[in-house]
Amino acid sequence: MSRRYLIVAEMGRNNGAGHLMRCSHLAENLVGTVAWKRDAGDSISTEQVAEICGKPPERFTWVDDETAGYDVILVDRRRMDVDEACRLRRFGCTVALDAAEPGRRYHHYCIDALPSLSRHGPNVASTSYLPLPETVRSAWPNRTERVLVAIGGADGGRFSLSTAHEVARALPPHHRKKLRFYAAGSTIEPDGTVDVLSAPGTLREHLAEFDLVITHFGLTAYEASWARVPVVLLDTSRYHRALAERAGFPRFPSTAGIARVIAASLEDNSPVVCSGTAVRPAERGSLSSEIDALVLPEEPEGPVGDLS
């Protein structure tokens, strides 16, 4: 059955690109028409959204508000307050993806594809709902040579590039010469020390080309694990650190700690492989099919229950 969907996605410059990438993938697979909501406070332009998602701008339909009414309003935001959550539900059935407090329990449905710190359980939860890559390694790497740094994405790769340099500088010269570092980004250039992987919208399909991925907690961490590439996380905030600990990823507060892990993996990478095996999603699911199949209430009322 064809439905009218509205996407309300995170478009803050310092909140990474994972929310946008997931919504872009959903928009391609949902059955129906899809519009994107643009807020005056968004710090990323519509052109930048298209660039991050690797799609031409004409593939996006933008609206300024939700008052036209929709069958389903998809919310993929790092944070939403109660007033905004309650306002959205007046114009459609709200389906929140990995919703955070305080607005989490005021959506009609909550679907968690990532571990949550909330005490209010989701309606359904599974890491299989993440947009996992098609390109995967047949086996985990048995050595570390090619290292990719992919943190965020909304800044064009500048933070990834600076982090790659910090990790490289923290390594002893005899270890550094055994490695090749890459930074993921669309507006940065290779500089002799760090190469650049520019793959807007398709980063996940290139992860299998590497032996180790450095990122923060989010979609890329699970995408790399699915591709059978070990992952080490950098704590970019207390929130990301808590989520990484909940999920079981190896994480460090500084690049010096990550450099020590890389140095050790040159001799034996089995610890990072074991960590990757433990967090790898068990299977691939279809979030778009789950959403398309939702039975929408005729008169949606009241907050979602704690169904955990």
C-alpha atoms as a PDB file:
ATOM      1  CA  MET A   1       0.000   0.000   0.000  1.00  0.00           C
ATOM      2  CA  SER A   2       1.424   3.366  -1.022  1.00  0.00           C
ATOM      3  CA  ARG A   3       1.759   5.932   1.767  1.00  0.00           C
ATOM      4  CA  ARG A   4       2.807   9.550   2.165  1.00  0.00           C
ATOM      5  CA  TYR A   5       6.001   9.781   4.214  1.00  0.00           C
ATOM      6  CA  LEU A   6       7.698  12.795   5.782  1.00  0.00           C
ATOM      7  CA  ILE A   7      11.311  12.508   6.963  1.00  0.00           C
ATOM      8  CA  VAL A   8      12.458  14.656   9.884  1.00  0.00           C
ATOM      9  CA  ALA A   9      16.200  13.982  10.017  1.00  0.00           C
ATOM     10  CA  GLU A  10      19.139  15.291  12.020  1.00  0.00           C
ATOM     11  CA  MET A  11      20.773  18.076  10.037  1.00  0.00           C
ATOM     12  CA  GLY A  12      23.158  19.556  12.582  1.00  0.00           C
ATOM     13  CA  ARG A  13      26.718  20.145  11.438  1.00  0.00           C
ATOM     14  CA  ASN A  14      28.292  18.459  14.474  1.00  0.00           C
ATOM     15  CA  ASN A  15      26.028  15.418  14.633  1.00  0.00           C
ATOM     16  CA  GLY A  16      27.579  13.268  11.935  1.00  0.00           C
ATOM     17  CA  ALA A  17      26.082  11.998   8.708  1.00  0.00           C
ATOM     18  CA  GLY A  18      24.626   8.679   9.878  1.00  0.00           C
ATOM     19  CA  HIS A  19      21.101  10.006  10.367  1.00  0.00           C
ATOM     20  CA  LEU A  20      21.045  11.448   6.843  1.00  0.00           C
ATOM     21  CA  MET A  21      22.530   8.320   5.272  1.00  0.00           C
ATOM     22  CA  ARG A  22      19.985   6.054   6.924  1.00  0.00           C
ATOM     23  CA  CYS A  23      17.081   8.280   5.891  1.00  0.00           C
ATOM     24  CA  SER A  24      18.396   8.505   2.341  1.00  0.00           C
ATOM     25  CA  HIS A  25      18.533   4.704   2.148  1.00  0.00           C
ATOM     26  CA  LEU A  26      15.001   4.469   3.556  1.00  0.00           C
ATOM     27  CA  ALA A  27      13.669   7.033   1.085  1.00  0.00           C
ATOM     28  CA  GLU A  28      14.848   4.850  -1.788  1.00  0.00           C
ATOM     29  CA  ASN A  29      13.063   1.764  -0.474  1.00  0.00           C
ATOM     30  CA  LEU A  30       9.803   2.883   1.120  1.00  0.00           C
ATOM     31  CA  VAL A  31       6.630   2.258  -0.858  1.00  0.00           C
ATOM     32  CA  GLY A  32       5.056   5.653  -1.449  1.00  0.00           C
ATOM     33  CA  THR A  33       6.007   9.315  -1.774  1.00  0.00           C
ATOM     34  CA  VAL A  34       8.690  10.796   0.459  1.00  0.00           C
ATOM     35  CA  ALA A  35       9.253  14.420   1.454  1.00  0.00           C
ATOM     36  CA  TRP A  36      11.963  15.857   3.726  1.00  0.00           C
ATOM     37  CA  LYS A  37      11.300  18.545   6.313  1.00  0.00           C
ATOM     38  CA  ARG A  38      13.587  21.562   6.417  1.00  0.00           C
ATOM     39  CA  ASP A  39      13.852  23.553   9.679  1.00  0.00           C
ATOM     40  CA  ALA A  40      15.077  27.140   9.924  1.00  0.00           C
ATOM     41  CA  GLY A  41      17.663  26.099  12.510  1.00  0.00           C
ATOM     42  CA  ASP A  42      19.291  23.395  10.392  1.00  0.00           C
ATOM     43  CA  SER A  43      23.004  24.101   9.930  1.00  0.00           C
ATOM     44  CA  ILE A  44      23.425  21.899   6.845  1.00  0.00           C
ATOM     45  CA  SER A  45      22.072  23.179   3.536  1.00  0.00           C
ATOM     46  CA  THR A  46      19.915  21.107   1.219  1.00  0.00           C
ATOM     47  CA  GLU A  47      22.834  21.001  -1.242  1.00  0.00           C
ATOM     48  CA  GLN A  48      25.107  19.591   1.467  1.00  0.00           C
ATOM     49  CA  VAL A  49      22.511  16.963   2.348  1.00  0.00           C
ATOM     50  CA  ALA A  50      22.475  15.813  -1.282  1.00  0.00           C
ATOM     51  CA  GLU A  51      26.296  15.723  -1.361  1.00  0.00           C
ATOM     52  CA  ILE A  52      26.548  13.728   1.877  1.00  0.00           C
ATOM     53  CA  CYS A  53      23.987  11.220   0.590  1.00  0.00           C
ATOM     54  CA  GLY A  54      25.674  11.007  -2.811  1.00  0.00           C
ATOM     55  CA  LYS A  55      22.507  11.856  -4.722  1.00  0.00           C
ATOM     56  CA  PRO A  56      21.501  14.695  -7.062  1.00  0.00           C
ATOM     57  CA  PRO A  57      19.546  17.499  -5.346  1.00  0.00           C
ATOM     58  CA  GLU A  58      16.493  16.865  -7.529  1.00  0.00           C
ATOM     59  CA  ARG A  59      16.016  13.493  -5.802  1.00  0.00           C
ATOM     60  CA  PHE A  60      14.898  15.355  -2.659  1.00  0.00           C
ATOM     61  CA  THR A  61      11.493  16.950  -2.107  1.00  0.00           C
ATOM     62  CA  TRP A  62      11.652  19.569   0.659  1.00  0.00           C
ATOM     63  CA  VAL A  63       8.846  21.066   2.755  1.00  0.00           C
ATOM     64  CA  ASP A  64       8.985  23.742   5.455  1.00  0.00           C
ATOM     65  CA  ASP A  65       6.505  22.152   7.851  1.00  0.00           C
ATOM     66  CA  GLU A  66       4.406  19.078   8.489  1.00  0.00           C
ATOM     67  CA  THR A  67       0.956  20.682   8.377  1.00  0.00           C
ATOM     68  CA  ALA A  68       0.002  19.132   5.015  1.00  0.00           C
ATOM     69  CA  GLY A  69      -0.506  15.866   6.891  1.00  0.00           C
ATOM     70  CA  TYR A  70       1.212  12.529   6.235  1.00  0.00           C
ATOM     71  CA  ASP A  71       0.505   8.870   6.800  1.00  0.00           C
ATOM     72  CA  VAL A  72       3.878   8.382   8.515  1.00  0.00           C
ATOM     73  CA  ILE A  73       6.354  10.923   9.880  1.00  0.00           C
ATOM     74  CA  LEU A  74       9.789   9.324  10.241  1.00  0.00           C
ATOM     75  CA  VAL A  75      11.890  10.952  12.950  1.00  0.00           C
ATOM     76  CA  ASP A  76      15.642  10.296  12.923  1.00  0.00           C
ATOM     77  CA  ARG A  77      17.014  12.915  15.260  1.00  0.00           C
ATOM     78  CA  ARG A  78      19.622  12.722  17.989  1.00  0.00           C
ATOM     79  CA  ARG A  79      17.329  14.670  20.304  1.00  0.00           C
ATOM     80  CA  MET A  80      13.732  15.912  20.243  1.00  0.00           C
ATOM     81  CA  ASP A  81      11.849  17.638  23.039  1.00  0.00           C
ATOM     82  CA  VAL A  82       8.356  16.713  24.182  1.00  0.00           C
ATOM     83  CA  ASP A  83       6.637  19.718  22.598  1.00  0.00           C
ATOM     84  CA  GLU A  84       8.044  18.983  19.148  1.00  0.00           C
ATOM     85  CA  ALA A  85       7.222  15.270  19.385  1.00  0.00           C
ATOM     86  CA  CYS A  86       3.649  16.056  20.387  1.00  0.00           C
ATOM     87  CA  ARG A  87       3.270  18.641  17.627  1.00  0.00           C
ATOM     88  CA  LEU A  88       4.442  16.215  14.934  1.00  0.00           C
ATOM     89  CA  ARG A  89       1.995  13.517  16.009  1.00  0.00           C
ATOM     90  CA  ARG A  90      -0.906  15.853  15.213  1.00  0.00           C
ATOM     91  CA  PHE A  91      -0.064  15.536  11.506  1.00  0.00           C
ATOM     92  CA  GLY A  92       0.718  11.845  11.112  1.00  0.00           C
ATOM     93  CA  CYS A  93       1.761   8.644  12.811  1.00  0.00           C
ATOM     94  CA  THR A  94       5.272   9.317  14.126  1.00  0.00           C
ATOM     95  CA  VAL A  95       7.821   6.525  13.849  1.00  0.00           C
ATOM     96  CA  ALA A  96      11.029   7.387  15.693  1.00  0.00           C
ATOM     97  CA  LEU A  97      14.327   5.710  14.842  1.00  0.00           C
ATOM     98  CA  ASP A  98      16.708   5.347  17.793  1.00  0.00           C
ATOM     99  CA  ALA A  99      14.873   8.147  19.554  1.00  0.00           C
ATOM    100  CA  ALA A 100      16.405   9.827  22.567  1.00  0.00           C
ATOM    101  CA  GLU A 101      14.837  11.435  25.593  1.00  0.00           C
ATOM    102  CA  PRO A 102      12.926  13.491  26.449  1.00  0.00           C
ATOM    103  CA  GLY A 103      10.578  13.087  23.459  1.00  0.00           C
ATOM    104  CA  ARG A 104      11.122   9.359  22.923  1.00  0.00           C
ATOM    105  CA  ARG A 105       7.999   8.017  24.622  1.00  0.00           C
ATOM    106  CA  TYR A 106       5.691  10.531  22.927  1.00  0.00           C
ATOM    107  CA  HIS A 107       6.050   8.981  19.466  1.00  0.00           C
ATOM    108  CA  HIS A 108       3.533   6.419  18.247  1.00  0.00           C
ATOM    109  CA  TYR A 109       6.218   3.844  17.440  1.00  0.00           C
ATOM    110  CA  CYS A 110       9.883   3.519  18.436  1.00  0.00           C
ATOM    111  CA  ILE A 111      12.246   1.347  16.424  1.00  0.00           C
ATOM    112  CA  ASP A 112      15.795   0.913  17.727  1.00  0.00           C
ATOM    113  CA  ALA A 113      18.487  -0.285  15.349  1.00  0.00           C
ATOM    114  CA  LEU A 114      21.202   0.775  17.798  1.00  0.00           C
ATOM    115  CA  PRO A 115      21.550   0.122  21.538  1.00  0.00           C
ATOM    116  CA  SER A 116      19.720   2.705  23.627  1.00  0.00           C
ATOM    117  CA  LEU A 117      20.365   4.315  26.995  1.00  0.00           C
ATOM    118  CA  SER A 118      16.675   5.055  27.507  1.00  0.00           C
ATOM    119  CA  ARG A 119      14.585   3.419  30.215  1.00  0.00           C
ATOM    120  CA  HIS A 120      11.620   3.470  27.819  1.00  0.00           C
ATOM    121  CA  GLY A 121      11.799   0.385  25.650  1.00  0.00           C
ATOM    122  CA  PRO A 122      11.156   0.349  21.876  1.00  0.00           C
ATOM    123  CA  ASN A 123       8.364  -1.426  20.040  1.00  0.00           C
ATOM    124  CA  VAL A 124      10.988  -3.405  18.163  1.00  0.00           C
ATOM    125  CA  ALA A 125      14.791  -3.456  18.202  1.00  0.00           C
ATOM    126  CA  SER A 126      17.443  -5.099  16.022  1.00  0.00           C
ATOM    127  CA  THR A 127      20.821  -4.076  14.586  1.00  0.00           C
ATOM    128  CA  SER A 128      19.733  -5.972  11.459  1.00  0.00           C
ATOM    129  CA  TYR A 129      17.641  -2.897  10.568  1.00  0.00           C
ATOM    130  CA  LEU A 130      20.786  -0.867   9.869  1.00  0.00           C
ATOM    131  CA  PRO A 131      21.631  -0.194   6.188  1.00  0.00           C
ATOM    132  CA  LEU A 132      24.391  -2.813   6.080  1.00  0.00           C
ATOM    133  CA  PRO A 133      26.825  -3.004   3.141  1.00  0.00           C
ATOM    134  CA  GLU A 134      26.499  -5.484   0.314  1.00  0.00           C
ATOM    135  CA  THR A 135      30.290  -5.689  -0.052  1.00  0.00           C
ATOM    136  CA  VAL A 136      31.815  -7.803   2.716  1.00  0.00           C
ATOM    137  CA  ARG A 137      35.069  -9.667   3.231  1.00  0.00           C
ATOM    138  CA  SER A 138      34.942 -13.447   3.091  1.00  0.00           C
ATOM    139  CA  ALA A 139      37.039 -13.577   6.277  1.00  0.00           C
ATOM    140  CA  TRP A 140      38.315 -11.200   8.924  1.00  0.00           C
ATOM    141  CA  PRO A 141      41.787  -9.752   8.125  1.00  0.00           C
ATOM    142  CA  ASN A 142      44.763 -11.543   9.633  1.00  0.00           C
ATOM    143  CA  ARG A 143      46.970  -8.435   9.696  1.00  0.00           C
ATOM    144  CA  THR A 144      46.674  -4.654   9.832  1.00  0.00           C
ATOM    145  CA  GLU A 145      48.014  -2.595   6.937  1.00  0.00           C
ATOM    146  CA  ARG A 146      45.269  -0.293   5.638  1.00  0.00           C
ATOM    147  CA  VAL A 147      43.560   1.891   8.252  1.00  0.00           C
ATOM    148  CA  LEU A 148      40.510   4.063   7.528  1.00  0.00           C
ATOM    149  CA  VAL A 149      39.430   6.954   9.744  1.00  0.00           C
ATOM    150  CA  ALA A 150      35.759   7.880   9.225  1.00  0.00           C
ATOM    151  CA  ILE A 151      34.309  10.088  11.940  1.00  0.00           C
ATOM    152  CA  GLY A 152      31.228  12.157  11.221  1.00  0.00           C
ATOM    153  CA  GLY A 153      30.975  13.316   7.635  1.00  0.00           C
ATOM    154  CA  ALA A 154      29.030  16.541   7.802  1.00  0.00           C
ATOM    155  CA  ASP A 155      32.291  18.537   7.867  1.00  0.00           C
ATOM    156  CA  GLY A 156      33.563  17.058   4.604  1.00  0.00           C
ATOM    157  CA  GLY A 157      36.165  14.912   6.364  1.00  0.00           C
ATOM    158  CA  ARG A 158      38.261  17.490   8.170  1.00  0.00           C
ATOM    159  CA  PHE A 159      37.907  15.835  11.581  1.00  0.00           C
ATOM    160  CA  SER A 160      38.697  12.428  10.085  1.00  0.00           C
ATOM    161  CA  LEU A 161      41.831  13.851   8.490  1.00  0.00           C
ATOM    162  CA  SER A 162      43.085  15.513  11.672  1.00  0.00           C
ATOM    163  CA  THR A 163      42.371  12.336  13.676  1.00  0.00           C
ATOM    164  CA  ALA A 164      44.312  10.207  11.174  1.00  0.00           C
ATOM    165  CA  HIS A 165      47.292  12.544  11.572  1.00  0.00           C
ATOM    166  CA  GLU A 166      47.092  12.354  15.359  1.00  0.00           C
ATOM    167  CA  VAL A 167      47.034   8.548  15.345  1.00  0.00           C
ATOM    168  CA  ALA A 168      49.929   8.385  12.865  1.00  0.00           C
ATOM    169  CA  ARG A 169      52.037  10.792  14.949  1.00  0.00           C
ATOM    170  CA  ALA A 170      51.389   8.728  18.090  1.00  0.00           C
ATOM    171  CA  LEU A 171      52.918   5.621  16.484  1.00  0.00           C
ATOM    172  CA  PRO A 172      56.636   4.881  16.577  1.00  0.00           C
ATOM    173  CA  PRO A 173      58.253   5.434  13.147  1.00  0.00           C
ATOM    174  CA  HIS A 174      58.992   1.736  12.647  1.00  0.00           C
ATOM    175  CA  HIS A 175      55.286   0.950  13.103  1.00  0.00           C
ATOM    176  CA  ARG A 176      54.050   3.910  11.088  1.00  0.00           C
ATOM    177  CA  LYS A 177      55.934   2.839   7.966  1.00  0.00           C
ATOM    178  CA  LYS A 178      54.060  -0.479   7.939  1.00  0.00           C
ATOM    179  CA  LEU A 179      50.689   1.247   7.694  1.00  0.00           C
ATOM    180  CA  ARG A 180      48.746   3.254   5.159  1.00  0.00           C
ATOM    181  CA  PHE A 181      46.223   5.711   6.572  1.00  0.00           C
ATOM    182  CA  TYR A 182      43.090   6.939   4.821  1.00  0.00           C
ATOM    183  CA  ALA A 183      40.568   9.593   5.853  1.00  0.00           C
ATOM    184  CA  ALA A 184      36.988   9.525   4.568  1.00  0.00           C
ATOM    185  CA  GLY A 185      35.835  12.868   3.226  1.00  0.00           C
ATOM    186  CA  SER A 186      34.606  14.796   0.221  1.00  0.00           C
ATOM    187  CA  THR A 187      36.363  18.154   0.674  1.00  0.00           C
ATOM    188  CA  ILE A 188      39.830  17.113   1.849  1.00  0.00           C
ATOM    189  CA  GLU A 189      42.990  16.308  -0.111  1.00  0.00           C
ATOM    190  CA  PRO A 190      45.733  13.693   0.399  1.00  0.00           C
ATOM    191  CA  ASP A 191      48.850  15.218   1.896  1.00  0.00           C
ATOM    192  CA  GLY A 192      51.558  12.587   1.676  1.00  0.00           C
ATOM    193  CA  THR A 193      50.871  11.149   5.132  1.00  0.00           C
ATOM    194  CA  VAL A 194      47.163  10.413   4.850  1.00  0.00           C
ATOM    195  CA  ASP A 195      45.332   9.328   1.695  1.00  0.00           C
ATOM    196  CA  VAL A 196      41.691  10.239   1.088  1.00  0.00           C
ATOM    197  CA  LEU A 197      38.682   8.054   0.377  1.00  0.00           C
ATOM    198  CA  SER A 198      35.985  10.187  -1.221  1.00  0.00           C
ATOM    199  CA  ALA A 199      32.825   8.128  -1.550  1.00  0.00           C
ATOM    200  CA  PRO A 200      29.764  10.289  -0.778  1.00  0.00           C
ATOM    201  CA  GLY A 201      26.772   8.093  -0.134  1.00  0.00           C
ATOM    202  CA  THR A 202      28.666   4.839  -0.698  1.00  0.00           C
ATOM    203  CA  LEU A 203      31.235   4.725   2.105  1.00  0.00           C
ATOM    204  CA  ARG A 204      29.833   1.498   3.530  1.00  0.00           C
ATOM    205  CA  GLU A 205      30.540  -0.350   0.272  1.00  0.00           C
ATOM    206  CA  HIS A 206      34.260   0.524   0.551  1.00  0.00           C
ATOM    207  CA  LEU A 207      34.809  -0.550   4.155  1.00  0.00           C
ATOM    208  CA  ALA A 208      35.800  -4.090   3.160  1.00  0.00           C
ATOM    209  CA  GLU A 209      38.889  -2.640   1.447  1.00  0.00           C
ATOM    210  CA  PHE A 210      40.476  -1.916   4.847  1.00  0.00           C
ATOM    211  CA  ASP A 211      41.949  -3.890   7.725  1.00  0.00           C
ATOM    212  CA  LEU A 212      40.840  -1.561  10.526  1.00  0.00           C
ATOM    213  CA  VAL A 213      38.309   1.266  10.816  1.00  0.00           C
ATOM    214  CA  ILE A 214      38.554   4.088  13.341  1.00  0.00           C
ATOM    215  CA  THR A 215      35.240   5.846  13.923  1.00  0.00           C
ATOM    216  CA  HIS A 216      32.909   6.901  16.732  1.00  0.00           C
ATOM    217  CA  PHE A 217      29.783   5.104  17.844  1.00  0.00           C
ATOM    218  CA  GLY A 218      27.203   5.031  15.071  1.00  0.00           C
ATOM    219  CA  LEU A 219      26.237   3.409  11.799  1.00  0.00           C
ATOM    220  CA  THR A 220      29.765   3.141  10.389  1.00  0.00           C
ATOM    221  CA  ALA A 221      30.882   1.009  13.332  1.00  0.00           C
ATOM    222  CA  TYR A 222      28.226  -1.607  12.615  1.00  0.00           C
ATOM    223  CA  GLU A 223      28.647  -1.361   8.848  1.00  0.00           C
ATOM    224  CA  ALA A 224      32.373  -2.103   9.208  1.00  0.00           C
ATOM    225  CA  SER A 225      31.717  -5.009  11.554  1.00  0.00           C
ATOM    226  CA  TRP A 226      29.210  -6.430   9.084  1.00  0.00           C
ATOM    227  CA  ALA A 227      31.881  -6.143   6.363  1.00  0.00           C
ATOM    228  CA  ARG A 228      34.191  -8.163   8.683  1.00  0.00           C
ATOM    229  CA  VAL A 229      36.517  -5.262   9.388  1.00  0.00           C
ATOM    230  CA  PRO A 230      37.638  -4.664  13.006  1.00  0.00           C
ATOM    231  CA  VAL A 231      36.569  -1.364  14.544  1.00  0.00           C
ATOM    232  CA  VAL A 232      38.109   0.875  17.203  1.00  0.00           C
ATOM    233  CA  LEU A 233      36.042   3.786  18.487  1.00  0.00           C
ATOM    234  CA  LEU A 234      37.137   7.249  19.554  1.00  0.00           C
ATOM    235  CA  ASP A 235      35.075   8.860  22.300  1.00  0.00           C
ATOM    236  CA  THR A 236      33.798  12.080  20.762  1.00  0.00           C
ATOM    237  CA  SER A 237      31.345  12.752  23.624  1.00  0.00           C
ATOM    238  CA  ARG A 238      30.147  11.198  26.872  1.00  0.00           C
ATOM    239  CA  TYR A 239      26.990  10.160  25.029  1.00  0.00           C
ATOM    240  CA  HIS A 240      28.943   8.265  22.343  1.00  0.00           C
ATOM    241  CA  ARG A 241      31.182   6.715  25.003  1.00  0.00           C
ATOM    242  CA  ALA A 242      28.196   5.394  26.955  1.00  0.00           C
ATOM    243  CA  LEU A 243      26.623   3.920  23.828  1.00  0.00           C
ATOM    244  CA  ALA A 244      29.911   2.285  22.791  1.00  0.00           C
ATOM    245  CA  GLU A 245      30.243   0.706  26.221  1.00  0.00           C
ATOM    246  CA  ARG A 246      26.650  -0.547  26.097  1.00  0.00           C
ATOM    247  CA  ALA A 247      27.242  -2.126  22.679  1.00  0.00           C
ATOM    248  CA  GLY A 248      30.618  -3.685  23.572  1.00  0.00           C
ATOM    249  CA  PHE A 249      32.911  -1.917  21.095  1.00  0.00           C
ATOM    250  CA  PRO A 250      36.549  -1.276  22.029  1.00  0.00           C
ATOM    251  CA  ARG A 251      36.711   2.480  22.681  1.00  0.00           C
ATOM    252  CA  PHE A 252      39.301   4.998  23.773  1.00  0.00           C
ATOM    253  CA  PRO A 253      39.193   8.597  24.991  1.00  0.00           C
ATOM    254  CA  SER A 254      42.241   9.616  22.970  1.00  0.00           C
ATOM    255  CA  THR A 255      44.106   8.834  19.773  1.00  0.00           C
ATOM    256  CA  ALA A 256      47.089   7.694  21.861  1.00  0.00           C
ATOM    257  CA  GLY A 257      45.066   4.713  23.091  1.00  0.00           C
ATOM    258  CA  ILE A 258      44.009   3.872  19.553  1.00  0.00           C
ATOM    259  CA  ALA A 259      47.636   4.060  18.403  1.00  0.00           C
ATOM    260  CA  ARG A 260      48.593   1.494  21.053  1.00  0.00           C
ATOM    261  CA  VAL A 261      45.894  -0.880  19.793  1.00  0.00           C
ATOM    262  CA  ILE A 262      47.119  -0.486  16.212  1.00  0.00           C
ATOM    263  CA  ALA A 263      50.722  -1.102  17.239  1.00  0.00           C
ATOM    264  CA  ALA A 264      49.695  -4.278  19.057  1.00  0.00           C
ATOM    265  CA  SER A 265      47.615  -5.432  16.072  1.00  0.00           C
ATOM    266  CA  LEU A 266      50.710  -5.376  13.856  1.00  0.00           C
ATOM    267  CA  GLU A 267      51.916  -8.373  15.848  1.00  0.00           C
ATOM    268  CA  ASP A 268      48.565  -9.963  16.680  1.00  0.00           C
ATOM    269  CA  ASN A 269      45.206  -8.585  15.523  1.00  0.00           C
ATOM    270  CA  SER A 270      43.102 -11.347  17.077  1.00  0.00           C
ATOM    271  CA  PRO A 271      41.853  -9.142  19.979  1.00  0.00           C
ATOM    272  CA  VAL A 272      40.281  -6.569  17.625  1.00  0.00           C
ATOM    273  CA  VAL A 273      38.906  -9.351  15.414  1.00  0.00           C
ATOM    274  CA  CYS A 274      37.289 -11.013  18.435  1.00  0.00           C
ATOM    275  CA  SER A 275      35.723  -7.698  19.421  1.00  0.00           C
ATOM    276  CA  GLY A 276      34.386  -7.256  15.890  1.00  0.00           C
ATOM    277  CA  THR A 277      32.903 -10.736  15.853  1.00  0.00           C
ATOM    278  CA  ALA A 278      31.063 -10.054  19.110  1.00  0.00           C
ATOM    279  CA  VAL A 279      29.305  -6.905  17.863  1.00  0.00           C
ATOM    280  CA  ARG A 280      28.651  -7.961  14.255  1.00  0.00           C
ATOM    281  CA  PRO A 281      24.884  -8.035  13.455  1.00  0.00           C
ATOM    282  CA  ALA A 282      23.571 -11.572  13.267  1.00  0.00           C
ATOM    283  CA  GLU A 283      21.636 -11.010  10.054  1.00  0.00           C
ATOM    284  CA  ARG A 284      20.436  -8.425   7.563  1.00  0.00           C
ATOM    285  CA  GLY A 285      16.903  -7.122   7.993  1.00  0.00           C
ATOM    286  CA  SER A 286      14.767  -4.581   6.142  1.00  0.00           C
ATOM    287  CA  LEU A 287      13.804  -1.453   8.040  1.00  0.00           C
ATOM    288  CA  SER A 288      11.784  -0.117   5.103  1.00  0.00           C
ATOM    289  CA  SER A 289       9.705  -3.314   4.986  1.00  0.00           C
ATOM    290  CA  GLU A 290       9.131  -3.111   8.741  1.00  0.00           C
ATOM    291  CA  ILE A 291       7.899   0.478   8.418  1.00  0.00           C
ATOM    292  CA  ASP A 292       5.784  -0.209   5.312  1.00  0.00           C
ATOM    293  CA  ALA A 293       4.059  -3.033   7.191  1.00  0.00           C
ATOM    294  CA  LEU A 294       3.155  -0.998  10.288  1.00  0.00           C
ATOM    295  CA  VAL A 295      -0.546  -0.974  11.082  1.00  0.00           C
ATOM    296  CA  LEU A 296      -1.374   2.703  11.530  1.00  0.00           C
ATOM    297  CA  PRO A 297      -3.914   3.593  14.210  1.00  0.00           C
ATOM    298  CA  GLU A 298      -6.985   5.450  13.004  1.00  0.00           C
ATOM    299  CA  GLU A 299      -6.771   7.943  15.848  1.00  0.00           C
ATOM    300  CA  PRO A 300      -3.259   7.678  17.280  1.00  0.00           C
ATOM    301  CA  GLU A 301      -3.335   8.726  20.910  1.00  0.00           C
ATOM    302  CA  GLY A 302      -1.033   8.539  23.887  1.00  0.00           C
ATOM    303  CA  PRO A 303       2.663   7.764  24.248  1.00  0.00           C
ATOM    304  CA  VAL A 304       4.292   4.526  23.242  1.00  0.00           C
ATOM    305  CA  GLY A 305       4.354   1.913  25.972  1.00  0.00           C
ATOM    306  CA  ASP A 306       7.466   0.442  27.513  1.00  0.00           C
ATOM    307  CA  LEU A 307       7.538  -2.840  25.636  1.00  0.00           C
ATOM    308  CA  SER A 308      11.058  -3.931  26.516  1.00  0.00           C
END
